[in-house]
C-alpha atoms as a PDB file:
ATOM      1  CA  UNK A   1    -134.243 251.438-143.308  1.00  0.00           C
ATOM      2  CA  UNK A   2    -130.909 250.606-143.086  1.00  0.00           C
ATOM      3  CA  UNK A   3    -127.829 252.127-144.298  1.00  0.00           C
ATOM      4  CA  UNK A   4    -126.951 249.428-146.461  1.00  0.00           C
ATOM      5  CA  UNK A   5    -130.503 249.108-147.979  1.00  0.00           C
ATOM      6  CA  UNK A   6    -130.417 252.798-148.531  1.00  0.00           C
ATOM      7  CA  UNK A   7    -126.919 252.923-150.474  1.00  0.00           C
ATOM      8  CA  UNK A   8    -128.665 250.098-152.498  1.00  0.00           C
ATOM      9  CA  UNK A   9    -131.455 252.344-153.417  1.00  0.00           C
ATOM     10  CA  UNK A  10    -129.483 255.170-153.940  1.00  0.00           C
ATOM     11  CA  UNK A  11    -127.322 253.099-156.179  1.00  0.00           C
ATOM     12  CA  UNK A  12    -130.661 251.880-158.496  1.00  0.00           C
ATOM     13  CA  UNK A  13    -131.649 255.607-158.509  1.00  0.00           C
ATOM     14  CA  UNK A  14    -128.634 257.229-159.336  1.00  0.00           C
ATOM     15  CA  UNK A  15    -127.977 254.097-162.036  1.00  0.00           C
ATOM     16  CA  UNK A  16    -131.502 254.956-163.506  1.00  0.00           C
ATOM     17  CA  UNK A  17    -130.528 258.420-164.721  1.00  0.00           C
ATOM     18  CA  UNK A  18    -128.493 258.574-167.674  1.00  0.00           C
ATOM     19  CA  UNK A  19    -125.291 260.678-168.364  1.00  0.00           C
ATOM     20  CA  UNK A  20    -127.383 262.889-171.027  1.00  0.00           C
ATOM     21  CA  UNK A  21    -130.167 263.439-168.522  1.00  0.00           C
ATOM     22  CA  UNK A  22    -127.849 264.848-165.778  1.00  0.00           C
ATOM     23  CA  UNK A  23    -125.721 266.665-168.492  1.00  0.00           C
ATOM     24  CA  UNK A  24    -129.207 268.070-169.594  1.00  0.00           C
ATOM     25  CA  UNK A  25    -130.035 269.076-166.176  1.00  0.00           C
ATOM     26  CA  UNK A  26    -126.635 270.671-165.687  1.00  0.00           C
ATOM     27  CA  UNK A  27    -125.965 272.654-168.288  1.00  0.00           C
ATOM     28  CA  UNK A  28    -129.472 274.777-167.646  1.00  0.00           C
ATOM     29  CA  UNK A  29    -128.347 275.729-164.317  1.00  0.00           C
ATOM     30  CA  UNK A  30    -127.082 279.183-164.155  1.00  0.00           C
ATOM     31  CA  UNK A  31    -125.973 280.980-161.029  1.00  0.00           C
ATOM     32  CA  UNK A  32    -126.730 284.760-160.665  1.00  0.00           C
ATOM     33  CA  UNK A  33    -123.353 286.350-160.017  1.00  0.00           C
ATOM     34  CA  UNK A  34    -123.771 289.617-157.867  1.00  0.00           C
ATOM     35  CA  UNK A  35    -120.733 292.092-158.115  1.00  0.00           C
ATOM     36  CA  UNK A  36    -119.605 293.205-154.671  1.00  0.00           C
ATOM     37  CA  UNK A  37    -120.367 289.972-152.598  1.00  0.00           C
ATOM     38  CA  UNK A  38    -119.069 289.835-149.171  1.00  0.00           C
ATOM     39  CA  UNK A  39    -119.242 286.294-147.137  1.00  0.00           C
ATOM     40  CA  UNK A  40    -121.518 286.566-144.165  1.00  0.00           C
ATOM     41  CA  UNK A  41    -119.998 283.847-141.971  1.00  0.00           C
ATOM     42  CA  UNK A  42    -116.295 282.821-143.569  1.00  0.00           C
ATOM     43  CA  UNK A  43    -113.739 285.450-144.061  1.00  0.00           C
ATOM     44  CA  UNK A  44    -111.724 285.490-147.471  1.00  0.00           C
ATOM     45  CA  UNK A  45    -109.201 283.173-146.639  1.00  0.00           C
ATOM     46  CA  UNK A  46    -111.502 280.683-145.504  1.00  0.00           C
ATOM     47  CA  UNK A  47    -113.969 281.324-148.463  1.00  0.00           C
ATOM     48  CA  UNK A  48    -110.840 280.625-150.817  1.00  0.00           C
ATOM     49  CA  UNK A  49    -110.253 277.256-149.181  1.00  0.00           C
ATOM     50  CA  UNK A  50    -113.962 276.575-149.581  1.00  0.00           C
ATOM     51  CA  UNK A  51    -114.028 277.397-153.395  1.00  0.00           C
ATOM     52  CA  UNK A  52    -111.046 275.005-153.472  1.00  0.00           C
ATOM     53  CA  UNK A  53    -112.420 271.922-151.932  1.00  0.00           C
ATOM     54  CA  UNK A  54    -115.875 272.181-153.632  1.00  0.00           C
ATOM     55  CA  UNK A  55    -114.342 272.472-156.997  1.00  0.00           C
ATOM     56  CA  UNK A  56    -112.356 269.564-156.241  1.00  0.00           C
ATOM     57  CA  UNK A  57    -115.514 267.435-155.164  1.00  0.00           C
ATOM     58  CA  UNK A  58    -117.539 268.796-158.051  1.00  0.00           C
ATOM     59  CA  UNK A  59    -114.892 270.114-160.905  1.00  0.00           C
ATOM     60  CA  UNK A  60    -115.711 271.734-164.100  1.00  0.00           C
ATOM     61  CA  UNK A  61    -116.270 269.720-167.497  1.00  0.00           C
ATOM     62  CA  UNK A  62    -118.546 269.982-170.260  1.00  0.00           C
ATOM     63  CA  UNK A  63    -120.838 271.018-167.383  1.00  0.00           C
ATOM     64  CA  UNK A  64    -120.567 273.936-164.811  1.00  0.00           C
ATOM     65  CA  UNK A  65    -118.220 272.877-161.606  1.00  0.00           C
ATOM     66  CA  UNK A  66    -118.997 274.565-158.080  1.00  0.00           C
ATOM     67  CA  UNK A  67    -117.546 277.590-158.539  1.00  0.00           C
ATOM     68  CA  UNK A  68    -119.601 278.310-161.502  1.00  0.00           C
ATOM     69  CA  UNK A  69    -122.677 277.113-159.247  1.00  0.00           C
ATOM     70  CA  UNK A  70    -121.649 279.556-156.499  1.00  0.00           C
ATOM     71  CA  UNK A  71    -121.852 276.808-153.941  1.00  0.00           C
ATOM     72  CA  UNK A  72    -119.278 278.261-151.810  1.00  0.00           C
ATOM     73  CA  UNK A  73    -121.650 281.296-151.427  1.00  0.00           C
ATOM     74  CA  UNK A  74    -124.739 279.144-150.626  1.00  0.00           C
ATOM     75  CA  UNK A  75    -122.668 277.170-147.996  1.00  0.00           C
ATOM     76  CA  UNK A  76    -121.536 280.656-146.228  1.00  0.00           C
ATOM     77  CA  UNK A  77    -125.230 281.551-146.575  1.00  0.00           C
ATOM     78  CA  UNK A  78    -126.522 278.493-144.922  1.00  0.00           C
ATOM     79  CA  UNK A  79    -124.127 278.371-142.207  1.00  0.00           C
ATOM     80  CA  UNK A  80    -124.727 282.222-141.339  1.00  0.00           C
ATOM     81  CA  UNK A  81    -128.499 280.988-141.129  1.00  0.00           C
ATOM     82  CA  UNK A  82    -127.917 277.881-138.937  1.00  0.00           C
ATOM     83  CA  UNK A  83    -124.636 278.455-136.688  1.00  0.00           C
ATOM     84  CA  UNK A  84    -125.268 280.318-133.625  1.00  0.00           C
ATOM     85  CA  UNK A  85    -122.131 283.286-133.125  1.00  0.00           C
ATOM     86  CA  UNK A  86    -121.039 281.571-129.885  1.00  0.00           C
ATOM     87  CA  UNK A  87    -120.825 278.468-131.730  1.00  0.00           C
END
């Protein structure tokens, strides 16, 4: 599949989902907040930057934002699992 065809297909699928459906799905998302969490890969300053960037991409509106969904914690964990220490 060519990139242009993939983008068109994605646009059709995304357009088919109504705002109400997306809102309903997102409103049901609740992240489990564990107190005392510490980053596994990034340092505290890098996590603050990551929180800012992810919240900018997916801001809180009438649905939860990236920080509410703890996206920065997911990214930290995923990078820790994938990237080797020497990389």
